[in-house]
C-alpha atoms as a PDB file:
ATOM      1  CA  GLY A   1      -0.035  -0.063  -0.007  1.00  0.00           C
ATOM      2  CA  GLN A   2       0.929   3.630  -0.239  1.00  0.00           C
ATOM      3  CA  GLN A   3       1.907   5.760   2.717  1.00  0.00           C
ATOM      4  CA  LYS A   4      -0.875   8.081   3.824  1.00  0.00           C
ATOM      5  CA  ARG A   5       1.038  10.376   6.218  1.00  0.00           C
ATOM      6  CA  THR A   6       4.046  10.815   8.418  1.00  0.00           C
ATOM      7  CA  ILE A   7       3.541  11.794  12.046  1.00  0.00           C
ATOM      8  CA  GLY A   8       6.396  13.475  13.993  1.00  0.00           C
ATOM      9  CA  CYS A   9      10.096  13.812  13.233  1.00  0.00           C
ATOM     10  CA  HIS A  10      13.408  13.195  14.924  1.00  0.00           C
ATOM     11  CA  ARG A  11      13.416  15.807  17.706  1.00  0.00           C
ATOM     12  CA  ARG A  12      12.628  16.271  21.377  1.00  0.00           C
ATOM     13  CA  GLY A  13       9.543  18.492  21.212  1.00  0.00           C
ATOM     14  CA  ASP A  14       5.864  17.798  21.655  1.00  0.00           C
ATOM     15  CA  GLY A  15       4.671  15.410  18.945  1.00  0.00           C
ATOM     16  CA  GLN A  16       8.316  14.741  17.897  1.00  0.00           C
ATOM     17  CA  PHE A  17      10.046  11.420  18.532  1.00  0.00           C
ATOM     18  CA  LYS A  18      13.494   9.909  19.297  1.00  0.00           C
ATOM     19  CA  GLY A  19      13.188   6.163  19.051  1.00  0.00           C
ATOM     20  CA  PRO A  20       9.464   5.556  19.159  1.00  0.00           C
ATOM     21  CA  CYS A  21       8.998   1.880  20.067  1.00  0.00           C
ATOM     22  CA  GLY A  22       5.499   1.086  21.206  1.00  0.00           C
ATOM     23  CA  LEU A  23       2.280   2.322  19.689  1.00  0.00           C
ATOM     24  CA  PHE A  24      -1.259   1.714  20.836  1.00  0.00           C
ATOM     25  CA  ILE A  25      -4.430   3.144  19.219  1.00  0.00           C
ATOM     26  CA  LYS A  26      -7.708   3.393  20.998  1.00  0.00           C
ATOM     27  CA  GLY A  27     -10.475   5.213  19.158  1.00  0.00           C
ATOM     28  CA  ASP A  28      -8.954   8.310  17.618  1.00  0.00           C
ATOM     29  CA  VAL A  29      -6.205   8.529  20.272  1.00  0.00           C
ATOM     30  CA  MET A  30      -2.652   7.241  19.630  1.00  0.00           C
ATOM     31  CA  TYR A  31      -0.243   6.515  22.518  1.00  0.00           C
ATOM     32  CA  VAL A  32       3.491   6.367  21.704  1.00  0.00           C
ATOM     33  CA  ALA A  33       6.307   4.982  23.948  1.00  0.00           C
ATOM     34  CA  ASP A  34       8.917   7.473  22.963  1.00  0.00           C
ATOM     35  CA  SER A  35      11.985   5.623  24.142  1.00  0.00           C
ATOM     36  CA  TRP A  36      14.884   8.025  23.725  1.00  0.00           C
ATOM     37  CA  ASN A  37      12.785  10.966  24.927  1.00  0.00           C
ATOM     38  CA  HIS A  38      11.878   8.877  27.984  1.00  0.00           C
ATOM     39  CA  CYS A  39       8.221   9.648  27.804  1.00  0.00           C
ATOM     40  CA  ILE A  40       4.787   8.624  26.641  1.00  0.00           C
ATOM     41  CA  GLN A  41       3.157  10.918  24.070  1.00  0.00           C
ATOM     42  CA  LYS A  42      -0.542  11.088  23.427  1.00  0.00           C
ATOM     43  CA  LEU A  43      -1.705  12.337  20.023  1.00  0.00           C
ATOM     44  CA  THR A  44      -4.781  12.102  17.778  1.00  0.00           C
ATOM     45  CA  THR A  45      -4.492   9.557  15.039  1.00  0.00           C
ATOM     46  CA  GLY A  46      -4.186  12.530  12.683  1.00  0.00           C
ATOM     47  CA  GLY A  47      -0.996  13.582  14.517  1.00  0.00           C
ATOM     48  CA  GLN A  48      -2.216  16.464  16.667  1.00  0.00           C
ATOM     49  CA  PHE A  49      -0.236  16.529  19.953  1.00  0.00           C
ATOM     50  CA  LEU A  50      -2.472  16.186  23.066  1.00  0.00           C
ATOM     51  CA  GLN A  51      -0.260  15.356  26.076  1.00  0.00           C
ATOM     52  CA  LYS A  52       3.095  14.006  27.260  1.00  0.00           C
ATOM     53  CA  PHE A  53       3.935  12.034  30.393  1.00  0.00           C
ATOM     54  CA  GLY A  54       7.352  11.387  31.889  1.00  0.00           C
ATOM     55  CA  GLN A  55      10.990  12.359  31.687  1.00  0.00           C
ATOM     56  CA  ARG A  56      14.286  10.524  32.165  1.00  0.00           C
ATOM     57  CA  GLY A  57      14.727   9.037  35.606  1.00  0.00           C
ATOM     58  CA  SER A  58      13.667   6.251  37.948  1.00  0.00           C
ATOM     59  CA  GLY A  59      11.049   7.890  40.122  1.00  0.00           C
ATOM     60  CA  GLN A  60       7.318   8.244  39.647  1.00  0.00           C
ATOM     61  CA  ARG A  61       6.376   9.872  36.262  1.00  0.00           C
ATOM     62  CA  GLU A  62       9.908   9.099  35.080  1.00  0.00           C
ATOM     63  CA  PHE A  63      11.031   6.474  32.561  1.00  0.00           C
ATOM     64  CA  ARG A  64      14.313   5.008  31.202  1.00  0.00           C
ATOM     65  CA  TYR A  65      13.592   3.857  27.731  1.00  0.00           C
ATOM     66  CA  PRO A  66       9.860   2.992  27.735  1.00  0.00           C
ATOM     67  CA  ARG A  67       9.301   0.305  25.076  1.00  0.00           C
ATOM     68  CA  PHE A  68       5.663  -0.743  24.777  1.00  0.00           C
ATOM     69  CA  ILE A  69       2.331   0.642  25.815  1.00  0.00           C
ATOM     70  CA  ILE A  70      -1.165  -0.908  25.972  1.00  0.00           C
ATOM     71  CA  VAL A  71      -4.440   0.455  27.303  1.00  0.00           C
ATOM     72  CA  ASP A  72      -6.720  -1.778  29.393  1.00  0.00           C
ATOM     73  CA  GLU A  73     -10.493  -1.962  29.543  1.00  0.00           C
ATOM     74  CA  ARG A  74     -10.468   0.628  32.345  1.00  0.00           C
ATOM     75  CA  ASN A  75      -8.474   3.079  30.097  1.00  0.00           C
ATOM     76  CA  ARG A  76      -5.359   2.736  32.184  1.00  0.00           C
ATOM     77  CA  LEU A  77      -2.046   3.038  30.364  1.00  0.00           C
ATOM     78  CA  ILE A  78       0.307   0.143  30.939  1.00  0.00           C
ATOM     79  CA  VAL A  79       3.971   0.840  30.016  1.00  0.00           C
ATOM     80  CA  SER A  80       7.021  -1.423  29.937  1.00  0.00           C
ATOM     81  CA  ASP A  81       9.839   0.716  31.422  1.00  0.00           C
ATOM     82  CA  TYR A  82      12.888  -1.093  29.997  1.00  0.00           C
ATOM     83  CA  ASP A  83      15.871   0.231  31.879  1.00  0.00           C
ATOM     84  CA  ASN A  84      14.020   0.620  35.182  1.00  0.00           C
ATOM     85  CA  HIS A  85      13.066  -3.068  34.962  1.00  0.00           C
ATOM     86  CA  ARG A  86       9.400  -2.376  35.736  1.00  0.00           C
ATOM     87  CA  VAL A  87       5.953  -2.045  34.291  1.00  0.00           C
ATOM     88  CA  VAL A  88       4.027   1.036  35.353  1.00  0.00           C
ATOM     89  CA  ILE A  89       0.288   1.721  35.241  1.00  0.00           C
ATOM     90  CA  LEU A  90      -0.970   5.301  34.780  1.00  0.00           C
ATOM     91  CA  ASP A  91      -4.348   6.843  34.470  1.00  0.00           C
ATOM     92  CA  GLN A  92      -5.354   8.934  31.461  1.00  0.00           C
ATOM     93  CA  ALA A  93      -3.982  12.149  33.090  1.00  0.00           C
ATOM     94  CA  GLY A  94      -0.608  10.544  33.538  1.00  0.00           C
ATOM     95  CA  THR A  95      -1.068   9.935  37.292  1.00  0.00           C
ATOM     96  CA  TRP A  96       1.096   7.022  38.541  1.00  0.00           C
ATOM     97  CA  LEU A  97      -1.209   4.308  39.880  1.00  0.00           C
ATOM     98  CA  LEU A  98       0.995   1.250  40.281  1.00  0.00           C
ATOM     99  CA  THR A  99       4.473  -0.184  39.680  1.00  0.00           C
ATOM    100  CA  ILE A 100       4.732  -3.891  38.924  1.00  0.00           C
ATOM    101  CA  ASN A 101       7.824  -5.734  40.069  1.00  0.00           C
ATOM    102  CA  GLY A 102      10.426  -2.935  40.121  1.00  0.00           C
ATOM    103  CA  ASN A 103      14.109  -3.735  40.025  1.00  0.00           C
ATOM    104  CA  VAL A 104      13.847  -7.297  41.338  1.00  0.00           C
ATOM    105  CA  THR A 105      15.691 -10.453  40.348  1.00  0.00           C
ATOM    106  CA  GLY A 106      14.901 -14.070  40.868  1.00  0.00           C
ATOM    107  CA  SER A 107      11.814 -16.095  40.061  1.00  0.00           C
ATOM    108  CA  HIS A 108       9.437 -13.125  40.627  1.00  0.00           C
ATOM    109  CA  GLY A 109      11.472 -10.390  39.005  1.00  0.00           C
ATOM    110  CA  PHE A 110      12.214  -9.517  35.447  1.00  0.00           C
ATOM    111  CA  GLN A 111      14.863  -7.627  33.570  1.00  0.00           C
ATOM    112  CA  HIS A 112      14.272  -5.300  30.606  1.00  0.00           C
ATOM    113  CA  PRO A 113      10.468  -5.752  30.086  1.00  0.00           C
ATOM    114  CA  GLN A 114       9.401  -5.139  26.523  1.00  0.00           C
ATOM    115  CA  GLY A 115       6.253  -6.633  24.927  1.00  0.00           C
ATOM    116  CA  LEU A 116       2.940  -6.291  26.711  1.00  0.00           C
ATOM    117  CA  ALA A 117      -0.431  -8.023  26.099  1.00  0.00           C
ATOM    118  CA  LEU A 118      -3.728  -8.427  27.892  1.00  0.00           C
ATOM    119  CA  ASP A 119      -5.590 -11.694  27.952  1.00  0.00           C
ATOM    120  CA  PRO A 120      -9.437 -11.840  28.006  1.00  0.00           C
ATOM    121  CA  GLN A 121      -9.413 -12.016  31.797  1.00  0.00           C
ATOM    122  CA  GLY A 122      -7.497  -8.756  32.042  1.00  0.00           C
ATOM    123  CA  ASN A 123      -4.187 -10.254  33.102  1.00  0.00           C
ATOM    124  CA  ILE A 124      -1.102  -8.407  31.936  1.00  0.00           C
ATOM    125  CA  HIS A 125       1.473 -10.492  30.108  1.00  0.00           C
ATOM    126  CA  VAL A 126       5.054  -9.104  30.029  1.00  0.00           C
ATOM    127  CA  ALA A 127       7.813 -10.294  27.738  1.00  0.00           C
ATOM    128  CA  ALA A 128      11.001  -9.790  29.729  1.00  0.00           C
ATOM    129  CA  TYR A 129      13.957  -9.652  27.348  1.00  0.00           C
ATOM    130  CA  GLY A 130      16.747  -9.732  29.965  1.00  0.00           C
ATOM    131  CA  SER A 131      15.379 -12.614  31.992  1.00  0.00           C
ATOM    132  CA  ASN A 132      14.079 -14.641  28.945  1.00  0.00           C
ATOM    133  CA  THR A 133      10.615 -15.064  30.449  1.00  0.00           C
ATOM    134  CA  ILE A 134       6.894 -14.175  30.031  1.00  0.00           C
ATOM    135  CA  LYS A 135       5.413 -13.011  33.339  1.00  0.00           C
ATOM    136  CA  VAL A 136       1.696 -12.846  33.973  1.00  0.00           C
ATOM    137  CA  PHE A 137       0.165 -10.412  36.477  1.00  0.00           C
END
């Protein structure tokens, strides 16, 4: 098929990306895990910037290379935070609701979470690149 449009460019500003990895569309809203800008950007599917969450760091509302994002049935944003070794759950305003696992090793921990999926029961499945596992929460 033919390309219909390009959204964003290689920059650090609103609606611009450096290493976009994950993308999730719900209705006419697009959520982008903007890895090298260490944030989540929310845009219309037409490319109009709406909101940005996060900055580089390891605290609440901070990310280190977010990779993937999904939105659950309650409209919560679920983000794999790659270099912080955690999955975070935010509300639509970007308020931090929950951190899953954190920087833990062993049978219950994971390293470098990437892919995310929800099953029909609402469980969160996490593909953990560094620990070579799929974790279910």
